[in-house]
Amino acid sequence: DGLPTREQAFVQDGVLVSYALGLYASRRLGMAP
């Protein structure tokens, strides 16, 4: 989508902290890409 990639955690200390979202999916889910 032309958005910058970045180092990030999806699981931190065993906890699910983020989904992996592109632009369209983030809008469908009401979340940030």
Full PDB file with SEQRES, HELIX, SHEET, SSBOND, CRYST1, ORIGX, SCALE, CONECT and MASTER records, all heavy atoms in Angstrom:
SEQRES   1 A   33  ASP GLY LEU PRO THR ARG GLU GLN ALA PHE VAL GLN ASP          
SEQRES   2 A   33  GLY VAL LEU VAL SER TYR ALA LEU GLY LEU TYR ALA SER          
SEQRES   3 A   33  ARG ARG LEU GLY MET ALA PRO                                  
HELIX    1 AA1 LEU A   23  LEU A   29  1                                   7    
SHEET    1 AA1 2 VAL A  11  GLN A  12  0                                        
SHEET    2 AA1 2 VAL A  15  LEU A  16 -1                                        
CRYST1    1.000    1.000    1.000  90.00  90.00  90.00 P 1           1          
ORIGX1      1.000000  0.000000  0.000000        0.00000                         
ORIGX2      0.000000  1.000000  0.000000        0.00000                         
ORIGX3      0.000000  0.000000  1.000000        0.00000                         
SCALE1      1.000000  0.000000  0.000000        0.00000                         
SCALE2      0.000000  1.000000  0.000000        0.00000                         
SCALE3      0.000000  0.000000  1.000000        0.00000                         
ATOM      1  N   ASP A   1       0.821  -1.215   0.000  1.00  0.00           N  
ATOM      2  CA  ASP A   1       0.000   0.000   0.000  1.00  0.00           C  
ATOM      3  C   ASP A   1       0.850   1.258   0.000  1.00  0.00           C  
ATOM      4  O   ASP A   1       0.306   2.365   0.037  1.00  0.00           O  
ATOM      5  CB  ASP A   1      -0.906   0.017   1.236  1.00  0.00           C  
ATOM      6  CG  ASP A   1      -1.817  -1.200   1.311  1.00  0.00           C  
ATOM      7  OD1 ASP A   1      -2.502  -1.474   0.309  1.00  0.00           O  
ATOM      8  OD2 ASP A   1      -1.841  -1.869   2.359  1.00  0.00           O  
ATOM      9  N   GLY A   2       2.186   1.101  -0.013  1.00  0.00           N  
ATOM     10  CA  GLY A   2       3.074   2.249   0.070  1.00  0.00           C  
ATOM     11  C   GLY A   2       3.323   2.733   1.486  1.00  0.00           C  
ATOM     12  O   GLY A   2       3.995   3.750   1.695  1.00  0.00           O  
ATOM     13  N   LEU A   3       2.792   2.001   2.481  1.00  0.00           N  
ATOM     14  CA  LEU A   3       2.998   2.384   3.878  1.00  0.00           C  
ATOM     15  C   LEU A   3       4.342   1.859   4.380  1.00  0.00           C  
ATOM     16  O   LEU A   3       4.777   0.774   3.983  1.00  0.00           O  
ATOM     17  CB  LEU A   3       1.874   1.822   4.746  1.00  0.00           C  
ATOM     18  CG  LEU A   3       0.477   2.366   4.442  1.00  0.00           C  
ATOM     19  CD1 LEU A   3      -0.578   1.597   5.234  1.00  0.00           C  
ATOM     20  CD2 LEU A   3       0.400   3.847   4.763  1.00  0.00           C  
ATOM     21  N   PRO A   4       5.015   2.589   5.251  1.00  0.00           N  
ATOM     22  CA  PRO A   4       6.329   2.143   5.714  1.00  0.00           C  
ATOM     23  C   PRO A   4       6.230   0.871   6.535  1.00  0.00           C  
ATOM     24  O   PRO A   4       5.325   0.713   7.356  1.00  0.00           O  
ATOM     25  CB  PRO A   4       6.828   3.323   6.554  1.00  0.00           C  
ATOM     26  CG  PRO A   4       5.578   4.049   6.984  1.00  0.00           C  
ATOM     27  CD  PRO A   4       4.615   3.884   5.851  1.00  0.00           C  
ATOM     28  N   THR A   5       7.163  -0.036   6.297  1.00  0.00           N  
ATOM     29  CA  THR A   5       7.280  -1.205   7.159  1.00  0.00           C  
ATOM     30  C   THR A   5       8.092  -0.815   8.390  1.00  0.00           C  
ATOM     31  O   THR A   5       8.835   0.158   8.377  1.00  0.00           O  
ATOM     32  CB  THR A   5       7.980  -2.347   6.413  1.00  0.00           C  
ATOM     33  OG1 THR A   5       9.232  -1.871   5.905  1.00  0.00           O  
ATOM     34  CG2 THR A   5       7.127  -2.842   5.255  1.00  0.00           C  
ATOM     35  N   ARG A   6       7.950  -1.596   9.454  1.00  0.00           N  
ATOM     36  CA  ARG A   6       8.670  -1.282  10.686  1.00  0.00           C  
ATOM     37  C   ARG A   6       8.853  -2.547  11.507  1.00  0.00           C  
ATOM     38  O   ARG A   6       8.067  -3.493  11.380  1.00  0.00           O  
ATOM     39  CB  ARG A   6       7.896  -0.254  11.519  1.00  0.00           C  
ATOM     40  CG  ARG A   6       6.531  -0.741  12.012  1.00  0.00           C  
ATOM     41  CD  ARG A   6       5.787   0.345  12.758  1.00  0.00           C  
ATOM     42  NE  ARG A   6       4.564  -0.113  13.381  1.00  0.00           N  
ATOM     43  CZ  ARG A   6       3.382  -0.130  12.801  1.00  0.00           C  
ATOM     44  NH1 ARG A   6       3.259   0.276  11.542  1.00  0.00           N  
ATOM     45  NH2 ARG A   6       2.313  -0.540  13.469  1.00  0.00           N  
ATOM     46  N   GLU A   7       9.893  -2.539  12.324  1.00  0.00           N  
ATOM     47  CA  GLU A   7      10.059  -3.654  13.243  1.00  0.00           C  
ATOM     48  C   GLU A   7       8.972  -3.570  14.302  1.00  0.00           C  
ATOM     49  O   GLU A   7       8.734  -2.501  14.875  1.00  0.00           O  
ATOM     50  CB  GLU A   7      11.444  -3.627  13.896  1.00  0.00           C  
ATOM     51  CG  GLU A   7      11.691  -4.816  14.798  1.00  0.00           C  
ATOM     52  CD  GLU A   7      13.139  -5.018  15.158  1.00  0.00           C  
ATOM     53  OE1 GLU A   7      14.015  -4.605  14.363  1.00  0.00           O  
ATOM     54  OE2 GLU A   7      13.398  -5.590  16.234  1.00  0.00           O  
ATOM     55  N   GLN A   8       8.318  -4.700  14.554  1.00  0.00           N  
ATOM     56  CA  GLN A   8       7.214  -4.698  15.502  1.00  0.00           C  
ATOM     57  C   GLN A   8       6.987  -6.099  16.039  1.00  0.00           C  
ATOM     58  O   GLN A   8       7.381  -7.089  15.420  1.00  0.00           O  
ATOM     59  CB  GLN A   8       5.931  -4.195  14.837  1.00  0.00           C  
ATOM     60  CG  GLN A   8       5.480  -5.027  13.645  1.00  0.00           C  
ATOM     61  CD  GLN A   8       4.297  -4.417  12.907  1.00  0.00           C  
ATOM     62  OE1 GLN A   8       3.453  -3.749  13.487  1.00  0.00           O  
ATOM     63  NE2 GLN A   8       4.238  -4.639  11.602  1.00  0.00           N  
ATOM     64  N   ALA A   9       6.368  -6.182  17.191  1.00  0.00           N  
ATOM     65  CA  ALA A   9       6.017  -7.467  17.795  1.00  0.00           C  
ATOM     66  C   ALA A   9       4.547  -7.768  17.539  1.00  0.00           C  
ATOM     67  O   ALA A   9       3.691  -6.893  17.654  1.00  0.00           O  
ATOM     68  CB  ALA A   9       6.292  -7.441  19.294  1.00  0.00           C  
ATOM     69  N   PHE A  10       4.271  -9.011  17.192  1.00  0.00           N  
ATOM     70  CA  PHE A  10       2.895  -9.490  17.146  1.00  0.00           C  
ATOM     71  C   PHE A  10       2.547 -10.215  18.441  1.00  0.00           C  
ATOM     72  O   PHE A  10       1.408 -10.180  18.888  1.00  0.00           O  
ATOM     73  CB  PHE A  10       2.687 -10.415  15.946  1.00  0.00           C  
ATOM     74  CG  PHE A  10       2.885  -9.733  14.621  1.00  0.00           C  
ATOM     75  CD1 PHE A  10       3.919 -10.086  13.783  1.00  0.00           C  
ATOM     76  CD2 PHE A  10       2.046  -8.701  14.235  1.00  0.00           C  
ATOM     77  CE1 PHE A  10       4.103  -9.451  12.565  1.00  0.00           C  
ATOM     78  CE2 PHE A  10       2.216  -8.049  13.033  1.00  0.00           C  
ATOM     79  CZ  PHE A  10       3.252  -8.426  12.185  1.00  0.00           C  
ATOM     80  N   VAL A  11       3.543 -10.859  19.029  1.00  0.00           N  
ATOM     81  CA  VAL A  11       3.392 -11.498  20.335  1.00  0.00           C  
ATOM     82  C   VAL A  11       4.499 -10.973  21.235  1.00  0.00           C  
ATOM     83  O   VAL A  11       5.677 -10.997  20.864  1.00  0.00           O  
ATOM     84  CB  VAL A  11       3.488 -13.032  20.223  1.00  0.00           C  
ATOM     85  CG1 VAL A  11       3.499 -13.679  21.605  1.00  0.00           C  
ATOM     86  CG2 VAL A  11       2.331 -13.582  19.397  1.00  0.00           C  
ATOM     87  N   GLN A  12       4.136 -10.475  22.393  1.00  0.00           N  
ATOM     88  CA  GLN A  12       5.108  -9.974  23.370  1.00  0.00           C  
ATOM     89  C   GLN A  12       4.859 -10.687  24.691  1.00  0.00           C  
ATOM     90  O   GLN A  12       3.744 -10.632  25.225  1.00  0.00           O  
ATOM     91  CB  GLN A  12       4.958  -8.463  23.555  1.00  0.00           C  
ATOM     92  CG  GLN A  12       5.989  -7.829  24.466  1.00  0.00           C  
ATOM     93  CD  GLN A  12       7.363  -7.773  23.827  1.00  0.00           C  
ATOM     94  OE1 GLN A  12       7.517  -7.326  22.690  1.00  0.00           O  
ATOM     95  NE2 GLN A  12       8.353  -8.220  24.568  1.00  0.00           N  
ATOM     96  N   ASP A  13       5.870 -11.369  25.186  1.00  0.00           N  
ATOM     97  CA  ASP A  13       5.739 -12.123  26.444  1.00  0.00           C  
ATOM     98  C   ASP A  13       4.537 -13.064  26.405  1.00  0.00           C  
ATOM     99  O   ASP A  13       3.805 -13.225  27.391  1.00  0.00           O  
ATOM    100  CB  ASP A  13       5.615 -11.164  27.631  1.00  0.00           C  
ATOM    101  CG  ASP A  13       6.822 -10.253  27.770  1.00  0.00           C  
ATOM    102  OD1 ASP A  13       7.934 -10.699  27.433  1.00  0.00           O  
ATOM    103  OD2 ASP A  13       6.645  -9.093  28.182  1.00  0.00           O  
ATOM    104  N   GLY A  14       4.333 -13.665  25.251  1.00  0.00           N  
ATOM    105  CA  GLY A  14       3.257 -14.632  25.085  1.00  0.00           C  
ATOM    106  C   GLY A  14       1.893 -14.054  24.766  1.00  0.00           C  
ATOM    107  O   GLY A  14       0.968 -14.785  24.432  1.00  0.00           O  
ATOM    108  N   VAL A  15       1.764 -12.730  24.841  1.00  0.00           N  
ATOM    109  CA  VAL A  15       0.469 -12.066  24.633  1.00  0.00           C  
ATOM    110  C   VAL A  15       0.367 -11.571  23.195  1.00  0.00           C  
ATOM    111  O   VAL A  15       1.313 -10.963  22.664  1.00  0.00           O  
ATOM    112  CB  VAL A  15       0.306 -10.888  25.611  1.00  0.00           C  
ATOM    113  CG1 VAL A  15      -0.980 -10.114  25.328  1.00  0.00           C  
ATOM    114  CG2 VAL A  15       0.314 -11.394  27.049  1.00  0.00           C  
ATOM    115  N   LEU A  16      -0.771 -11.809  22.573  1.00  0.00           N  
ATOM    116  CA  LEU A  16      -1.031 -11.297  21.234  1.00  0.00           C  
ATOM    117  C   LEU A  16      -1.265  -9.795  21.327  1.00  0.00           C  
ATOM    118  O   LEU A  16      -2.254  -9.353  21.900  1.00  0.00           O  
ATOM    119  CB  LEU A  16      -2.251 -11.994  20.628  1.00  0.00           C  
ATOM    120  CG  LEU A  16      -2.653 -11.568  19.212  1.00  0.00           C  
ATOM    121  CD1 LEU A  16      -1.552 -11.873  18.210  1.00  0.00           C  
ATOM    122  CD2 LEU A  16      -3.952 -12.272  18.787  1.00  0.00           C  
ATOM    123  N   VAL A  17      -0.324  -9.000  20.788  1.00  0.00           N  
ATOM    124  CA  VAL A  17      -0.399  -7.549  20.948  1.00  0.00           C  
ATOM    125  C   VAL A  17      -0.762  -6.827  19.658  1.00  0.00           C  
ATOM    126  O   VAL A  17      -1.106  -5.638  19.687  1.00  0.00           O  
ATOM    127  CB  VAL A  17       0.925  -6.982  21.500  1.00  0.00           C  
ATOM    128  CG1 VAL A  17       1.182  -7.491  22.915  1.00  0.00           C  
ATOM    129  CG2 VAL A  17       2.112  -7.317  20.584  1.00  0.00           C  
ATOM    130  N   SER A  18      -0.703  -7.519  18.520  1.00  0.00           N  
ATOM    131  CA  SER A  18      -1.023  -6.846  17.268  1.00  0.00           C  
ATOM    132  C   SER A  18      -1.418  -7.871  16.219  1.00  0.00           C  
ATOM    133  O   SER A  18      -0.897  -8.992  16.196  1.00  0.00           O  
ATOM    134  CB  SER A  18       0.183  -6.045  16.756  1.00  0.00           C  
ATOM    135  OG  SER A  18      -0.088  -5.462  15.485  1.00  0.00           O  
ATOM    136  N   TYR A  19      -2.337  -7.477  15.348  1.00  0.00           N  
ATOM    137  CA  TYR A  19      -2.616  -8.236  14.141  1.00  0.00           C  
ATOM    138  C   TYR A  19      -1.703  -7.742  13.024  1.00  0.00           C  
ATOM    139  O   TYR A  19      -1.042  -6.706  13.158  1.00  0.00           O  
ATOM    140  CB  TYR A  19      -4.080  -8.075  13.738  1.00  0.00           C  
ATOM    141  CG  TYR A  19      -5.060  -8.744  14.674  1.00  0.00           C  
ATOM    142  CD1 TYR A  19      -6.207  -8.067  15.107  1.00  0.00           C  
ATOM    143  CD2 TYR A  19      -4.863 -10.046  15.110  1.00  0.00           C  
ATOM    144  CE1 TYR A  19      -7.118  -8.680  15.961  1.00  0.00           C  
ATOM    145  CE2 TYR A  19      -5.771 -10.661  15.964  1.00  0.00           C  
ATOM    146  CZ  TYR A  19      -6.895  -9.980  16.384  1.00  0.00           C  
ATOM    147  OH  TYR A  19      -7.775 -10.590  17.223  1.00  0.00           O  
ATOM    148  N   ALA A  20      -1.669  -8.463  11.900  1.00  0.00           N  
ATOM    149  CA  ALA A  20      -0.891  -8.078  10.729  1.00  0.00           C  
ATOM    150  C   ALA A  20      -1.867  -7.554   9.674  1.00  0.00           C  
ATOM    151  O   ALA A  20      -2.559  -8.344   9.023  1.00  0.00           O  
ATOM    152  CB  ALA A  20      -0.104  -9.269  10.195  1.00  0.00           C  
ATOM    153  N   LEU A  21      -1.917  -6.229   9.522  1.00  0.00           N  
ATOM    154  CA  LEU A  21      -2.978  -5.610   8.737  1.00  0.00           C  
ATOM    155  C   LEU A  21      -2.441  -4.760   7.597  1.00  0.00           C  
ATOM    156  O   LEU A  21      -1.585  -3.897   7.791  1.00  0.00           O  
ATOM    157  CB  LEU A  21      -3.847  -4.728   9.640  1.00  0.00           C  
ATOM    158  CG  LEU A  21      -4.448  -5.383  10.883  1.00  0.00           C  
ATOM    159  CD1 LEU A  21      -5.242  -4.364  11.675  1.00  0.00           C  
ATOM    160  CD2 LEU A  21      -5.309  -6.583  10.502  1.00  0.00           C  
ATOM    161  N   GLY A  22      -2.976  -5.010   6.417  1.00  0.00           N  
ATOM    162  CA  GLY A  22      -2.818  -4.086   5.322  1.00  0.00           C  
ATOM    163  C   GLY A  22      -3.873  -2.995   5.427  1.00  0.00           C  
ATOM    164  O   GLY A  22      -4.706  -2.991   6.339  1.00  0.00           O  
ATOM    165  N   LEU A  23      -3.847  -2.072   4.487  1.00  0.00           N  
ATOM    166  CA  LEU A  23      -4.723  -0.901   4.559  1.00  0.00           C  
ATOM    167  C   LEU A  23      -6.200  -1.272   4.518  1.00  0.00           C  
ATOM    168  O   LEU A  23      -6.987  -0.847   5.378  1.00  0.00           O  
ATOM    169  CB  LEU A  23      -4.376   0.056   3.410  1.00  0.00           C  
ATOM    170  CG  LEU A  23      -5.172   1.350   3.343  1.00  0.00           C  
ATOM    171  CD1 LEU A  23      -4.874   2.232   4.546  1.00  0.00           C  
ATOM    172  CD2 LEU A  23      -4.863   2.092   2.039  1.00  0.00           C  
ATOM    173  N   TYR A  24      -6.599  -2.064   3.517  1.00  0.00           N  
ATOM    174  CA  TYR A  24      -8.020  -2.378   3.354  1.00  0.00           C  
ATOM    175  C   TYR A  24      -8.551  -3.141   4.565  1.00  0.00           C  
ATOM    176  O   TYR A  24      -9.611  -2.819   5.112  1.00  0.00           O  
ATOM    177  CB  TYR A  24      -8.242  -3.189   2.081  1.00  0.00           C  
ATOM    178  CG  TYR A  24      -9.681  -3.565   1.850  1.00  0.00           C  
ATOM    179  CD1 TYR A  24     -10.572  -2.644   1.309  1.00  0.00           C  
ATOM    180  CD2 TYR A  24     -10.166  -4.829   2.195  1.00  0.00           C  
ATOM    181  CE1 TYR A  24     -11.913  -2.977   1.107  1.00  0.00           C  
ATOM    182  CE2 TYR A  24     -11.486  -5.168   1.997  1.00  0.00           C  
ATOM    183  CZ  TYR A  24     -12.362  -4.237   1.452  1.00  0.00           C  
ATOM    184  OH  TYR A  24     -13.680  -4.570   1.263  1.00  0.00           O  
ATOM    185  N   ALA A  25      -7.801  -4.161   5.006  1.00  0.00           N  
ATOM    186  CA  ALA A  25      -8.250  -4.948   6.148  1.00  0.00           C  
ATOM    187  C   ALA A  25      -8.366  -4.084   7.397  1.00  0.00           C  
ATOM    188  O   ALA A  25      -9.296  -4.246   8.193  1.00  0.00           O  
ATOM    189  CB  ALA A  25      -7.293  -6.111   6.393  1.00  0.00           C  
ATOM    190  N   SER A  26      -7.422  -3.169   7.589  1.00  0.00           N  
ATOM    191  CA  SER A  26      -7.473  -2.305   8.777  1.00  0.00           C  
ATOM    192  C   SER A  26      -8.737  -1.455   8.779  1.00  0.00           C  
ATOM    193  O   SER A  26      -9.352  -1.239   9.828  1.00  0.00           O  
ATOM    194  CB  SER A  26      -6.230  -1.418   8.833  1.00  0.00           C  
ATOM    195  OG  SER A  26      -6.234  -0.423   7.833  1.00  0.00           O  
ATOM    196  N   ARG A  27      -9.129  -0.987   7.611  1.00  0.00           N  
ATOM    197  CA  ARG A  27     -10.356  -0.193   7.534  1.00  0.00           C  
ATOM    198  C   ARG A  27     -11.577  -1.052   7.820  1.00  0.00           C  
ATOM    199  O   ARG A  27     -12.514  -0.605   8.491  1.00  0.00           O  
ATOM    200  CB  ARG A  27     -10.452   0.461   6.153  1.00  0.00           C  
ATOM    201  CG  ARG A  27      -9.444   1.598   5.943  1.00  0.00           C  
ATOM    202  CD  ARG A  27      -9.430   2.070   4.509  1.00  0.00           C  
ATOM    203  NE  ARG A  27      -8.599   3.276   4.347  1.00  0.00           N  
ATOM    204  CZ  ARG A  27      -8.220   3.769   3.182  1.00  0.00           C  
ATOM    205  NH1 ARG A  27      -8.596   3.150   2.047  1.00  0.00           N  
ATOM    206  NH2 ARG A  27      -7.478   4.854   3.117  1.00  0.00           N  
ATOM    207  N   ARG A  28     -11.573  -2.271   7.310  1.00  0.00           N  
ATOM    208  CA  ARG A  28     -12.703  -3.164   7.571  1.00  0.00           C  
ATOM    209  C   ARG A  28     -12.829  -3.460   9.057  1.00  0.00           C  
ATOM    210  O   ARG A  28     -13.941  -3.628   9.581  1.00  0.00           O  
ATOM    211  CB  ARG A  28     -12.517  -4.471   6.792  1.00  0.00           C  
ATOM    212  CG  ARG A  28     -12.718  -4.371   5.298  1.00  0.00           C  
ATOM    213  CD  ARG A  28     -14.181  -4.214   4.925  1.00  0.00           C  
ATOM    214  NE  ARG A  28     -15.010  -5.316   5.381  1.00  0.00           N  
ATOM    215  CZ  ARG A  28     -15.367  -6.343   4.640  1.00  0.00           C  
ATOM    216  NH1 ARG A  28     -14.955  -6.429   3.383  1.00  0.00           N  
ATOM    217  NH2 ARG A  28     -16.156  -7.280   5.121  1.00  0.00           N  
ATOM    218  N   LEU A  29     -11.698  -3.526   9.748  1.00  0.00           N  
ATOM    219  CA  LEU A  29     -11.696  -3.871  11.167  1.00  0.00           C  
ATOM    220  C   LEU A  29     -11.749  -2.659  12.081  1.00  0.00           C  
ATOM    221  O   LEU A  29     -11.844  -2.795  13.306  1.00  0.00           O  
ATOM    222  CB  LEU A  29     -10.438  -4.687  11.489  1.00  0.00           C  
ATOM    223  CG  LEU A  29     -10.365  -6.079  10.840  1.00  0.00           C  
ATOM    224  CD1 LEU A  29      -8.963  -6.656  10.976  1.00  0.00           C  
ATOM    225  CD2 LEU A  29     -11.396  -7.019  11.461  1.00  0.00           C  
ATOM    226  N   GLY A  30     -11.677  -1.451  11.495  1.00  0.00           N  
ATOM    227  CA  GLY A  30     -11.676  -0.248  12.312  1.00  0.00           C  
ATOM    228  C   GLY A  30     -10.411  -0.100  13.139  1.00  0.00           C  
ATOM    229  O   GLY A  30     -10.443   0.435  14.254  1.00  0.00           O  
ATOM    230  N   MET A  31      -9.283  -0.565  12.587  1.00  0.00           N  
ATOM    231  CA  MET A  31      -8.008  -0.514  13.288  1.00  0.00           C  
ATOM    232  C   MET A  31      -6.974   0.197  12.423  1.00  0.00           C  
ATOM    233  O   MET A  31      -7.207   0.459  11.239  1.00  0.00           O  
ATOM    234  CB  MET A  31      -7.528  -1.931  13.644  1.00  0.00           C  
ATOM    235  CG  MET A  31      -8.536  -2.748  14.442  1.00  0.00           C  
ATOM    236  SD  MET A  31      -8.043  -4.469  14.703  1.00  0.00           S  
ATOM    237  CE  MET A  31      -6.795  -4.225  15.960  1.00  0.00           C  
ATOM    238  N   ALA A  32      -5.835   0.506  12.992  1.00  0.00           N  
ATOM    239  CA  ALA A  32      -4.766   1.156  12.240  1.00  0.00           C  
ATOM    240  C   ALA A  32      -3.993   0.115  11.433  1.00  0.00           C  
ATOM    241  O   ALA A  32      -3.760  -1.003  11.912  1.00  0.00           O  
ATOM    242  CB  ALA A  32      -3.821   1.892  13.186  1.00  0.00           C  
ATOM    243  N   PRO A  33      -3.570   0.443  10.201  1.00  0.00           N  
ATOM    244  CA  PRO A  33      -2.737  -0.497   9.438  1.00  0.00           C  
ATOM    245  C   PRO A  33      -1.388  -0.687  10.112  1.00  0.00           C  
ATOM    246  O   PRO A  33      -0.889   0.201  10.805  1.00  0.00           O  
ATOM    247  CB  PRO A  33      -2.598   0.172   8.074  1.00  0.00           C  
ATOM    248  CG  PRO A  33      -2.801   1.633   8.338  1.00  0.00           C  
ATOM    249  CD  PRO A  33      -3.785   1.710   9.476  1.00  0.00           C  
TER     250      PRO A  33                                                      
MASTER        0    0    0    1    2    0    0    6  249    1    0    3          
END                                                                             
